[in-house]
Amino acid sequence: AARVPGLEVTVYRIINHFFGESVTVAGLLTGKDVAEQLRGKDLGDELLFPRVMLRADGDLFLDDTTPAWLSEQLGVPATPAPGEAPELIRAILGIHQ
């Protein structure tokens, strides 16, 4: 496995309280569920979340909160990231194509 010096990635499980715990797809998570469950955690420099969590127009979660609102709640930039592995890895490494 390749290693990047200084890079630490933590994956958090978010429980869907908005639609119910049996709903386990990222596209049905809300900004408030994310904020409530990650508030107070050490999130490092940035929170990357799957882009599919945003509506089709790309600027709102299903509960009408925004990535900017989520950033304010958590104290770190909240950035939508692609769901496909190669694009996600580029986003984590800060490589923009």
PDB file of N, CA and C in Angstrom:
ATOM      1  N   ALA A   1       0.843  -1.185   0.000  1.00  0.00           N
ATOM      2  CA  ALA A   1       0.000   0.000   0.000  1.00  0.00           C
ATOM      3  C   ALA A   1       0.885   1.245   0.000  1.00  0.00           C
ATOM      4  N   ALA A   2       0.524   2.193  -0.816  1.00  0.00           N
ATOM      5  CA  ALA A   2       1.261   3.454  -0.884  1.00  0.00           C
ATOM      6  C   ALA A   2       0.938   4.296   0.346  1.00  0.00           C
ATOM      7  N   ARG A   3       1.901   5.051   0.792  1.00  0.00           N
ATOM      8  CA  ARG A   3       1.706   5.936   1.941  1.00  0.00           C
ATOM      9  C   ARG A   3       2.083   7.352   1.530  1.00  0.00           C
ATOM     10  N   VAL A   4       1.340   8.292   2.077  1.00  0.00           N
ATOM     11  CA  VAL A   4       1.620   9.696   1.846  1.00  0.00           C
ATOM     12  C   VAL A   4       2.010  10.292   3.197  1.00  0.00           C
ATOM     13  N   PRO A   5       3.245  10.767   3.328  1.00  0.00           N
ATOM     14  CA  PRO A   5       3.685  11.327   4.606  1.00  0.00           C
ATOM     15  C   PRO A   5       2.759  12.455   5.065  1.00  0.00           C
ATOM     16  N   GLY A   6       2.350  12.404   6.318  1.00  0.00           N
ATOM     17  CA  GLY A   6       1.522  13.456   6.891  1.00  0.00           C
ATOM     18  C   GLY A   6       0.041  13.353   6.589  1.00  0.00           C
ATOM     19  N   LEU A   7      -0.354  12.373   5.798  1.00  0.00           N
ATOM     20  CA  LEU A   7      -1.770  12.236   5.445  1.00  0.00           C
ATOM     21  C   LEU A   7      -2.434  11.228   6.369  1.00  0.00           C
ATOM     22  N   GLU A   8      -3.518  11.663   6.988  1.00  0.00           N
ATOM     23  CA  GLU A   8      -4.317  10.769   7.815  1.00  0.00           C
ATOM     24  C   GLU A   8      -5.769  10.918   7.378  1.00  0.00           C
ATOM     25  N   VAL A   9      -6.411   9.818   7.080  1.00  0.00           N
ATOM     26  CA  VAL A   9      -7.805   9.822   6.641  1.00  0.00           C
ATOM     27  C   VAL A   9      -8.618   9.015   7.642  1.00  0.00           C
ATOM     28  N   THR A  10      -9.717   9.592   8.101  1.00  0.00           N
ATOM     29  CA  THR A  10     -10.631   8.904   9.007  1.00  0.00           C
ATOM     30  C   THR A  10     -11.991   8.834   8.333  1.00  0.00           C
ATOM     31  N   VAL A  11     -12.596   7.664   8.335  1.00  0.00           N
ATOM     32  CA  VAL A  11     -13.930   7.477   7.766  1.00  0.00           C
ATOM     33  C   VAL A  11     -14.911   7.341   8.925  1.00  0.00           C
ATOM     34  N   TYR A  12     -15.972   8.149   8.891  1.00  0.00           N
ATOM     35  CA  TYR A  12     -16.990   8.109   9.933  1.00  0.00           C
ATOM     36  C   TYR A  12     -18.286   7.531   9.375  1.00  0.00           C
ATOM     37  N   ARG A  13     -18.931   6.712  10.167  1.00  0.00           N
ATOM     38  CA  ARG A  13     -20.252   6.184   9.820  1.00  0.00           C
ATOM     39  C   ARG A  13     -21.282   7.182  10.334  1.00  0.00           C
ATOM     40  N   ILE A  14     -22.197   7.583   9.452  1.00  0.00           N
ATOM     41  CA  ILE A  14     -23.266   8.499   9.835  1.00  0.00           C
ATOM     42  C   ILE A  14     -24.580   7.728   9.818  1.00  0.00           C
ATOM     43  N   ILE A  15     -25.302   7.780  10.920  1.00  0.00           N
ATOM     44  CA  ILE A  15     -26.609   7.123  11.012  1.00  0.00           C
ATOM     45  C   ILE A  15     -27.660   8.084  10.478  1.00  0.00           C
ATOM     46  N   ASN A  16     -28.542   7.579   9.630  1.00  0.00           N
ATOM     47  CA  ASN A  16     -29.583   8.395   9.016  1.00  0.00           C
ATOM     48  C   ASN A  16     -30.777   8.507   9.963  1.00  0.00           C
ATOM     49  N   HIS A  17     -30.820   9.602  10.727  1.00  0.00           N
ATOM     50  CA  HIS A  17     -31.950   9.830  11.623  1.00  0.00           C
ATOM     51  C   HIS A  17     -33.117  10.462  10.870  1.00  0.00           C
ATOM     52  N   PHE A  18     -32.835  11.164   9.781  1.00  0.00           N
ATOM     53  CA  PHE A  18     -33.868  11.868   9.017  1.00  0.00           C
ATOM     54  C   PHE A  18     -34.854  10.881   8.395  1.00  0.00           C
ATOM     55  N   PHE A  19     -34.346   9.859   7.711  1.00  0.00           N
ATOM     56  CA  PHE A  19     -35.199   8.874   7.047  1.00  0.00           C
ATOM     57  C   PHE A  19     -35.308   7.566   7.834  1.00  0.00           C
ATOM     58  N   GLY A  20     -34.460   7.380   8.830  1.00  0.00           N
ATOM     59  CA  GLY A  20     -34.483   6.157   9.628  1.00  0.00           C
ATOM     60  C   GLY A  20     -33.190   5.376   9.486  1.00  0.00           C
ATOM     61  N   GLU A  21     -32.831   4.674  10.553  1.00  0.00           N
ATOM     62  CA  GLU A  21     -31.553   3.971  10.602  1.00  0.00           C
ATOM     63  C   GLU A  21     -31.421   2.863   9.573  1.00  0.00           C
ATOM     64  N   SER A  22     -32.539   2.376   9.040  1.00  0.00           N
ATOM     65  CA  SER A  22     -32.461   1.305   8.039  1.00  0.00           C
ATOM     66  C   SER A  22     -32.054   1.833   6.668  1.00  0.00           C
ATOM     67  N   VAL A  23     -32.085   3.154   6.488  1.00  0.00           N
ATOM     68  CA  VAL A  23     -31.683   3.768   5.223  1.00  0.00           C
ATOM     69  C   VAL A  23     -30.176   3.993   5.287  1.00  0.00           C
ATOM     70  N   THR A  24     -29.444   3.308   4.397  1.00  0.00           N
ATOM     71  CA  THR A  24     -27.979   3.305   4.510  1.00  0.00           C
ATOM     72  C   THR A  24     -27.261   3.795   3.258  1.00  0.00           C
ATOM     73  N   VAL A  25     -27.919   4.585   2.426  1.00  0.00           N
ATOM     74  CA  VAL A  25     -27.262   5.103   1.222  1.00  0.00           C
ATOM     75  C   VAL A  25     -26.834   6.549   1.457  1.00  0.00           C
ATOM     76  N   ALA A  26     -25.656   6.895   0.996  1.00  0.00           N
ATOM     77  CA  ALA A  26     -25.106   8.239   1.207  1.00  0.00           C
ATOM     78  C   ALA A  26     -25.989   9.320   0.597  1.00  0.00           C
ATOM     79  N   GLY A  27     -26.646   9.017  -0.524  1.00  0.00           N
ATOM     80  CA  GLY A  27     -27.463  10.008  -1.204  1.00  0.00           C
ATOM     81  C   GLY A  27     -28.691  10.440  -0.429  1.00  0.00           C
ATOM     82  N   LEU A  28     -29.006   9.762   0.669  1.00  0.00           N
ATOM     83  CA  LEU A  28     -30.166  10.135   1.482  1.00  0.00           C
ATOM     84  C   LEU A  28     -29.778  10.648   2.868  1.00  0.00           C
ATOM     85  N   LEU A  29     -28.517  11.008   3.052  1.00  0.00           N
ATOM     86  CA  LEU A  29     -28.090  11.625   4.308  1.00  0.00           C
ATOM     87  C   LEU A  29     -28.324  13.129   4.246  1.00  0.00           C
ATOM     88  N   THR A  30     -28.516  13.734   5.403  1.00  0.00           N
ATOM     89  CA  THR A  30     -28.752  15.176   5.462  1.00  0.00           C
ATOM     90  C   THR A  30     -27.580  15.892   6.134  1.00  0.00           C
ATOM     91  N   GLY A  31     -27.497  17.172   5.864  1.00  0.00           N
ATOM     92  CA  GLY A  31     -26.460  17.982   6.486  1.00  0.00           C
ATOM     93  C   GLY A  31     -26.581  18.003   8.001  1.00  0.00           C
ATOM     94  N   LYS A  32     -27.825  18.054   8.509  1.00  0.00           N
ATOM     95  CA  LYS A  32     -28.020  18.092   9.963  1.00  0.00           C
ATOM     96  C   LYS A  32     -27.576  16.795  10.621  1.00  0.00           C
ATOM     97  N   ASP A  33     -27.856  15.647   9.994  1.00  0.00           N
ATOM     98  CA  ASP A  33     -27.385  14.377  10.557  1.00  0.00           C
ATOM     99  C   ASP A  33     -25.859  14.360  10.627  1.00  0.00           C
ATOM    100  N   VAL A  34     -25.210  14.834   9.579  1.00  0.00           N
ATOM    101  CA  VAL A  34     -23.744  14.867   9.559  1.00  0.00           C
ATOM    102  C   VAL A  34     -23.231  15.801  10.654  1.00  0.00           C
ATOM    103  N   ALA A  35     -23.796  17.005  10.729  1.00  0.00           N
ATOM    104  CA  ALA A  35     -23.344  17.986  11.721  1.00  0.00           C
ATOM    105  C   ALA A  35     -23.516  17.462  13.141  1.00  0.00           C
ATOM    106  N   GLU A  36     -24.686  16.894  13.431  1.00  0.00           N
ATOM    107  CA  GLU A  36     -24.957  16.411  14.787  1.00  0.00           C
ATOM    108  C   GLU A  36     -23.999  15.296  15.195  1.00  0.00           C
ATOM    109  N   GLN A  37     -23.657  14.427  14.256  1.00  0.00           N
ATOM    110  CA  GLN A  37     -22.843  13.264  14.604  1.00  0.00           C
ATOM    111  C   GLN A  37     -21.336  13.518  14.542  1.00  0.00           C
ATOM    112  N   LEU A  38     -20.925  14.566  13.840  1.00  0.00           N
ATOM    113  CA  LEU A  38     -19.491  14.859  13.752  1.00  0.00           C
ATOM    114  C   LEU A  38     -19.063  16.034  14.624  1.00  0.00           C
ATOM    115  N   ARG A  39     -20.033  16.786  15.150  1.00  0.00           N
ATOM    116  CA  ARG A  39     -19.709  17.939  15.996  1.00  0.00           C
ATOM    117  C   ARG A  39     -18.856  17.477  17.180  1.00  0.00           C
ATOM    118  N   GLY A  40     -17.761  18.184  17.413  1.00  0.00           N
ATOM    119  CA  GLY A  40     -16.880  17.869  18.526  1.00  0.00           C
ATOM    120  C   GLY A  40     -15.793  16.853  18.209  1.00  0.00           C
ATOM    121  N   LYS A  41     -15.843  16.254  17.034  1.00  0.00           N
ATOM    122  CA  LYS A  41     -14.805  15.290  16.641  1.00  0.00           C
ATOM    123  C   LYS A  41     -13.641  16.037  15.991  1.00  0.00           C
ATOM    124  N   ASP A  42     -12.456  15.473  16.096  1.00  0.00           N
ATOM    125  CA  ASP A  42     -11.289  16.047  15.434  1.00  0.00           C
ATOM    126  C   ASP A  42     -11.366  15.679  13.959  1.00  0.00           C
ATOM    127  N   LEU A  43     -11.738  16.637  13.134  1.00  0.00           N
ATOM    128  CA  LEU A  43     -11.932  16.390  11.705  1.00  0.00           C
ATOM    129  C   LEU A  43     -10.723  16.784  10.869  1.00  0.00           C
ATOM    130  N   GLY A  44      -9.659  17.198  11.508  1.00  0.00           N
ATOM    131  CA  GLY A  44      -8.469  17.558  10.750  1.00  0.00           C
ATOM    132  C   GLY A  44      -8.650  18.863  10.004  1.00  0.00           C
ATOM    133  N   ASP A  45      -8.118  18.906   8.788  1.00  0.00           N
ATOM    134  CA  ASP A  45      -8.106  20.138   7.999  1.00  0.00           C
ATOM    135  C   ASP A  45      -9.334  20.319   7.125  1.00  0.00           C
ATOM    136  N   GLU A  46     -10.041  19.225   6.825  1.00  0.00           N
ATOM    137  CA  GLU A  46     -11.143  19.313   5.867  1.00  0.00           C
ATOM    138  C   GLU A  46     -12.034  18.089   6.015  1.00  0.00           C
ATOM    139  N   LEU A  47     -13.331  18.286   5.768  1.00  0.00           N
ATOM    140  CA  LEU A  47     -14.281  17.182   5.714  1.00  0.00           C
ATOM    141  C   LEU A  47     -14.651  16.953   4.256  1.00  0.00           C
ATOM    142  N   LEU A  48     -14.306  15.793   3.746  1.00  0.00           N
ATOM    143  CA  LEU A  48     -14.749  15.401   2.407  1.00  0.00           C
ATOM    144  C   LEU A  48     -15.965  14.512   2.576  1.00  0.00           C
ATOM    145  N   PHE A  49     -17.012  14.785   1.808  1.00  0.00           N
ATOM    146  CA  PHE A  49     -18.207  13.951   1.854  1.00  0.00           C
ATOM    147  C   PHE A  49     -18.625  13.615   0.427  1.00  0.00           C
ATOM    148  N   PRO A  50     -19.327  12.498   0.234  1.00  0.00           N
ATOM    149  CA  PRO A  50     -19.711  12.101  -1.127  1.00  0.00           C
ATOM    150  C   PRO A  50     -20.620  13.135  -1.789  1.00  0.00           C
ATOM    151  N   ARG A  51     -20.288  13.508  -2.997  1.00  0.00           N
ATOM    152  CA  ARG A  51     -21.065  14.485  -3.760  1.00  0.00           C
ATOM    153  C   ARG A  51     -22.530  14.066  -3.887  1.00  0.00           C
ATOM    154  N   VAL A  52     -22.800  12.756  -3.890  1.00  0.00           N
ATOM    155  CA  VAL A  52     -24.183  12.282  -4.041  1.00  0.00           C
ATOM    156  C   VAL A  52     -25.060  12.676  -2.859  1.00  0.00           C
ATOM    157  N   MET A  53     -24.471  13.197  -1.785  1.00  0.00           N
ATOM    158  CA  MET A  53     -25.274  13.673  -0.660  1.00  0.00           C
ATOM    159  C   MET A  53     -25.979  14.984  -0.986  1.00  0.00           C
ATOM    160  N   LEU A  54     -25.560  15.646  -2.054  1.00  0.00           N
ATOM    161  CA  LEU A  54     -26.180  16.907  -2.464  1.00  0.00           C
ATOM    162  C   LEU A  54     -27.231  16.651  -3.533  1.00  0.00           C
ATOM    163  N   ARG A  55     -28.218  17.526  -3.590  1.00  0.00           N
ATOM    164  CA  ARG A  55     -29.249  17.431  -4.632  1.00  0.00           C
ATOM    165  C   ARG A  55     -28.608  17.561  -6.008  1.00  0.00           C
ATOM    166  N   ALA A  56     -29.381  17.265  -7.032  1.00  0.00           N
ATOM    167  CA  ALA A  56     -28.863  17.246  -8.408  1.00  0.00           C
ATOM    168  C   ALA A  56     -28.199  18.565  -8.801  1.00  0.00           C
ATOM    169  N   ASP A  57     -28.722  19.696  -8.327  1.00  0.00           N
ATOM    170  CA  ASP A  57     -28.114  20.986  -8.688  1.00  0.00           C
ATOM    171  C   ASP A  57     -26.816  21.234  -7.917  1.00  0.00           C
ATOM    172  N   GLY A  58     -26.519  20.377  -6.928  1.00  0.00           N
ATOM    173  CA  GLY A  58     -25.208  20.373  -6.298  1.00  0.00           C
ATOM    174  C   GLY A  58     -24.946  21.366  -5.196  1.00  0.00           C
ATOM    175  N   ASP A  59     -25.983  22.056  -4.685  1.00  0.00           N
ATOM    176  CA  ASP A  59     -25.688  23.059  -3.665  1.00  0.00           C
ATOM    177  C   ASP A  59     -26.433  22.873  -2.344  1.00  0.00           C
ATOM    178  N   LEU A  60     -27.342  21.904  -2.265  1.00  0.00           N
ATOM    179  CA  LEU A  60     -28.115  21.688  -1.043  1.00  0.00           C
ATOM    180  C   LEU A  60     -28.180  20.215  -0.671  1.00  0.00           C
ATOM    181  N   PHE A  61     -28.159  19.958   0.639  1.00  0.00           N
ATOM    182  CA  PHE A  61     -28.481  18.626   1.127  1.00  0.00           C
ATOM    183  C   PHE A  61     -30.006  18.475   1.093  1.00  0.00           C
ATOM    184  N   LEU A  62     -30.512  17.290   1.330  1.00  0.00           N
ATOM    185  CA  LEU A  62     -31.956  17.040   1.276  1.00  0.00           C
ATOM    186  C   LEU A  62     -32.739  17.834   2.315  1.00  0.00           C
ATOM    187  N   ASP A  63     -32.089  18.276   3.380  1.00  0.00           N
ATOM    188  CA  ASP A  63     -32.765  19.067   4.409  1.00  0.00           C
ATOM    189  C   ASP A  63     -32.567  20.570   4.205  1.00  0.00           C
ATOM    190  N   ASP A  64     -32.167  20.956   2.990  1.00  0.00           N
ATOM    191  CA  ASP A  64     -31.972  22.360   2.599  1.00  0.00           C
ATOM    192  C   ASP A  64     -30.797  23.048   3.294  1.00  0.00           C
ATOM    193  N   THR A  65     -29.936  22.302   3.965  1.00  0.00           N
ATOM    194  CA  THR A  65     -28.704  22.893   4.476  1.00  0.00           C
ATOM    195  C   THR A  65     -27.667  22.872   3.354  1.00  0.00           C
ATOM    196  N   THR A  66     -26.611  23.643   3.519  1.00  0.00           N
ATOM    197  CA  THR A  66     -25.587  23.771   2.480  1.00  0.00           C
ATOM    198  C   THR A  66     -24.231  23.288   3.001  1.00  0.00           C
ATOM    199  N   PRO A  67     -23.302  23.009   2.087  1.00  0.00           N
ATOM    200  CA  PRO A  67     -21.941  22.707   2.537  1.00  0.00           C
ATOM    201  C   PRO A  67     -21.338  23.855   3.363  1.00  0.00           C
ATOM    202  N   ALA A  68     -21.667  25.098   3.019  1.00  0.00           N
ATOM    203  CA  ALA A  68     -21.165  26.244   3.792  1.00  0.00           C
ATOM    204  C   ALA A  68     -21.703  26.202   5.223  1.00  0.00           C
ATOM    205  N   TRP A  69     -22.976  25.875   5.379  1.00  0.00           N
ATOM    206  CA  TRP A  69     -23.571  25.737   6.709  1.00  0.00           C
ATOM    207  C   TRP A  69     -22.870  24.631   7.492  1.00  0.00           C
ATOM    208  N   LEU A  70     -22.640  23.493   6.830  1.00  0.00           N
ATOM    209  CA  LEU A  70     -21.962  22.372   7.477  1.00  0.00           C
ATOM    210  C   LEU A  70     -20.558  22.784   7.920  1.00  0.00           C
ATOM    211  N   SER A  71     -19.858  23.535   7.078  1.00  0.00           N
ATOM    212  CA  SER A  71     -18.522  24.042   7.432  1.00  0.00           C
ATOM    213  C   SER A  71     -18.576  24.895   8.694  1.00  0.00           C
ATOM    214  N   GLU A  72     -19.573  25.779   8.760  1.00  0.00           N
ATOM    215  CA  GLU A  72     -19.729  26.642   9.937  1.00  0.00           C
ATOM    216  C   GLU A  72     -19.993  25.813  11.188  1.00  0.00           C
ATOM    217  N   GLN A  73     -20.822  24.796  11.060  1.00  0.00           N
ATOM    218  CA  GLN A  73     -21.167  23.952  12.204  1.00  0.00           C
ATOM    219  C   GLN A  73     -19.973  23.165  12.731  1.00  0.00           C
ATOM    220  N   LEU A  74     -19.117  22.721  11.816  1.00  0.00           N
ATOM    221  CA  LEU A  74     -18.025  21.821  12.192  1.00  0.00           C
ATOM    222  C   LEU A  74     -16.666  22.503  12.323  1.00  0.00           C
ATOM    223  N   GLY A  75     -16.550  23.724  11.817  1.00  0.00           N
ATOM    224  CA  GLY A  75     -15.295  24.457  11.954  1.00  0.00           C
ATOM    225  C   GLY A  75     -14.200  24.062  10.983  1.00  0.00           C
ATOM    226  N   VAL A  76     -14.554  23.324   9.937  1.00  0.00           N
ATOM    227  CA  VAL A  76     -13.597  22.953   8.882  1.00  0.00           C
ATOM    228  C   VAL A  76     -14.310  23.064   7.541  1.00  0.00           C
ATOM    229  N   PRO A  77     -13.567  23.269   6.451  1.00  0.00           N
ATOM    230  CA  PRO A  77     -14.210  23.258   5.139  1.00  0.00           C
ATOM    231  C   PRO A  77     -14.896  21.912   4.900  1.00  0.00           C
ATOM    232  N   ALA A  78     -16.116  21.951   4.387  1.00  0.00           N
ATOM    233  CA  ALA A  78     -16.863  20.737   4.023  1.00  0.00           C
ATOM    234  C   ALA A  78     -16.945  20.709   2.505  1.00  0.00           C
ATOM    235  N   THR A  79     -16.286  19.748   1.904  1.00  0.00           N
ATOM    236  CA  THR A  79     -16.108  19.711   0.458  1.00  0.00           C
ATOM    237  C   THR A  79     -16.721  18.460  -0.147  1.00  0.00           C
ATOM    238  N   PRO A  80     -17.620  18.641  -1.140  1.00  0.00           N
ATOM    239  CA  PRO A  80     -18.143  17.453  -1.821  1.00  0.00           C
ATOM    240  C   PRO A  80     -17.049  16.789  -2.645  1.00  0.00           C
ATOM    241  N   ALA A  81     -16.976  15.478  -2.557  1.00  0.00           N
ATOM    242  CA  ALA A  81     -15.960  14.708  -3.285  1.00  0.00           C
ATOM    243  C   ALA A  81     -16.651  13.677  -4.166  1.00  0.00           C
ATOM    244  N   PRO A  82     -16.021  13.323  -5.275  1.00  0.00           N
ATOM    245  CA  PRO A  82     -16.597  12.306  -6.144  1.00  0.00           C
ATOM    246  C   PRO A  82     -16.682  10.964  -5.424  1.00  0.00           C
ATOM    247  N   GLY A  83     -17.620  10.154  -5.851  1.00  0.00           N
ATOM    248  CA  GLY A  83     -17.810   8.858  -5.226  1.00  0.00           C
ATOM    249  C   GLY A  83     -16.954   7.754  -5.803  1.00  0.00           C
ATOM    250  N   GLU A  84     -16.396   7.957  -6.981  1.00  0.00           N
ATOM    251  CA  GLU A  84     -15.558   6.941  -7.606  1.00  0.00           C
ATOM    252  C   GLU A  84     -14.161   6.981  -6.995  1.00  0.00           C
ATOM    253  N   ALA A  85     -13.585   5.823  -6.737  1.00  0.00           N
ATOM    254  CA  ALA A  85     -12.314   5.730  -6.014  1.00  0.00           C
ATOM    255  C   ALA A  85     -11.186   6.582  -6.597  1.00  0.00           C
ATOM    256  N   PRO A  86     -10.899   6.532  -7.905  1.00  0.00           N
ATOM    257  CA  PRO A  86      -9.774   7.338  -8.411  1.00  0.00           C
ATOM    258  C   PRO A  86      -9.978   8.838  -8.185  1.00  0.00           C
ATOM    259  N   GLU A  87     -11.198   9.321  -8.393  1.00  0.00           N
ATOM    260  CA  GLU A  87     -11.471  10.742  -8.196  1.00  0.00           C
ATOM    261  C   GLU A  87     -11.403  11.106  -6.714  1.00  0.00           C
ATOM    262  N   LEU A  88     -11.876  10.205  -5.860  1.00  0.00           N
ATOM    263  CA  LEU A  88     -11.815  10.453  -4.424  1.00  0.00           C
ATOM    264  C   LEU A  88     -10.366  10.533  -3.949  1.00  0.00           C
ATOM    265  N   ILE A  89      -9.535   9.653  -4.428  1.00  0.00           N
ATOM    266  CA  ILE A  89      -8.111   9.679  -4.055  1.00  0.00           C
ATOM    267  C   ILE A  89      -7.472  10.984  -4.499  1.00  0.00           C
ATOM    268  N   ARG A  90      -7.785  11.443  -5.716  1.00  0.00           N
ATOM    269  CA  ARG A  90      -7.248  12.730  -6.178  1.00  0.00           C
ATOM    270  C   ARG A  90      -7.726  13.867  -5.277  1.00  0.00           C
ATOM    271  N   ALA A  91      -9.001  13.821  -4.857  1.00  0.00           N
ATOM    272  CA  ALA A  91      -9.532  14.868  -3.980  1.00  0.00           C
ATOM    273  C   ALA A  91      -8.809  14.859  -2.638  1.00  0.00           C
ATOM    274  N   ILE A  92      -8.579  13.677  -2.079  1.00  0.00           N
ATOM    275  CA  ILE A  92      -7.876  13.565  -0.804  1.00  0.00           C
ATOM    276  C   ILE A  92      -6.461  14.126  -0.916  1.00  0.00           C
ATOM    277  N   LEU A  93      -5.799  13.848  -2.018  1.00  0.00           N
ATOM    278  CA  LEU A  93      -4.421  14.306  -2.217  1.00  0.00           C
ATOM    279  C   LEU A  93      -4.334  15.744  -2.704  1.00  0.00           C
ATOM    280  N   GLY A  94      -5.495  16.362  -3.020  1.00  0.00           N
ATOM    281  CA  GLY A  94      -5.497  17.739  -3.494  1.00  0.00           C
ATOM    282  C   GLY A  94      -5.054  17.890  -4.929  1.00  0.00           C
ATOM    283  N   ILE A  95      -5.201  16.826  -5.712  1.00  0.00           N
ATOM    284  CA  ILE A  95      -4.830  16.859  -7.131  1.00  0.00           C
ATOM    285  C   ILE A  95      -6.069  17.224  -7.935  1.00  0.00           C
ATOM    286  N   HIS A  96      -6.021  18.339  -8.626  1.00  0.00           N
ATOM    287  CA  HIS A  96      -7.171  18.799  -9.414  1.00  0.00           C
ATOM    288  C   HIS A  96      -6.857  18.654 -10.889  1.00  0.00           C
ATOM    289  N   GLN A  97      -7.771  18.015 -11.611  1.00  0.00           N
ATOM    290  CA  GLN A  97      -7.548  17.833 -13.055  1.00  0.00           C
ATOM    291  C   GLN A  97      -8.563  18.610 -13.842  1.00  0.00           C
TER     292      GLN A  97
END
